[in-house]
């Protein structure tokens, strides 16, 4: 079973998927968690392929929001045994295509996949760190006359008839 999503640099998984990873990756994340703290505090885990690092990503309401915003990034360097914390609140970095980090049997996967299909129609690519910021996304929605659920906005005249 394919778990998570990966690019050239890392494998990204939701915290609920960590126990399903191969043993060596679970041990790797476990060592990083010993330095970081409680895995339940993070939403996504980024396992770097070559650097000996694991990054824990914390979003605002990952479960409920279709596009949660990055709040904190905690990078653990296993080789040097140090932890760096970065505050991203207010940066507007949104997480697109949440379903790729979860298991195919997640209870909301169909809803997430439908939302992501709409995102693709708007031209989003799924490249981590290259998607529109919150402000850019809000402007994109306004240009297309869409609400936050990617549905056409109803005009006031239509709402009263």
Foldseek 3Di string as FASTA:
>chain_A
DDAADDDPWWGKAFLVCLVVDPPVSVVLVVLQCVLVPDLVQAGMWTGTDPQQKIKGWHWDCPPPALKTATAKIWMARNVVGDIDIDGCPPVQQTQAQVLRRYDPVPPCNVVSVVQNVLVVVLPADNDHPPGDGNVRVVVSCVVVCADSSRHHDDDPVRVVD
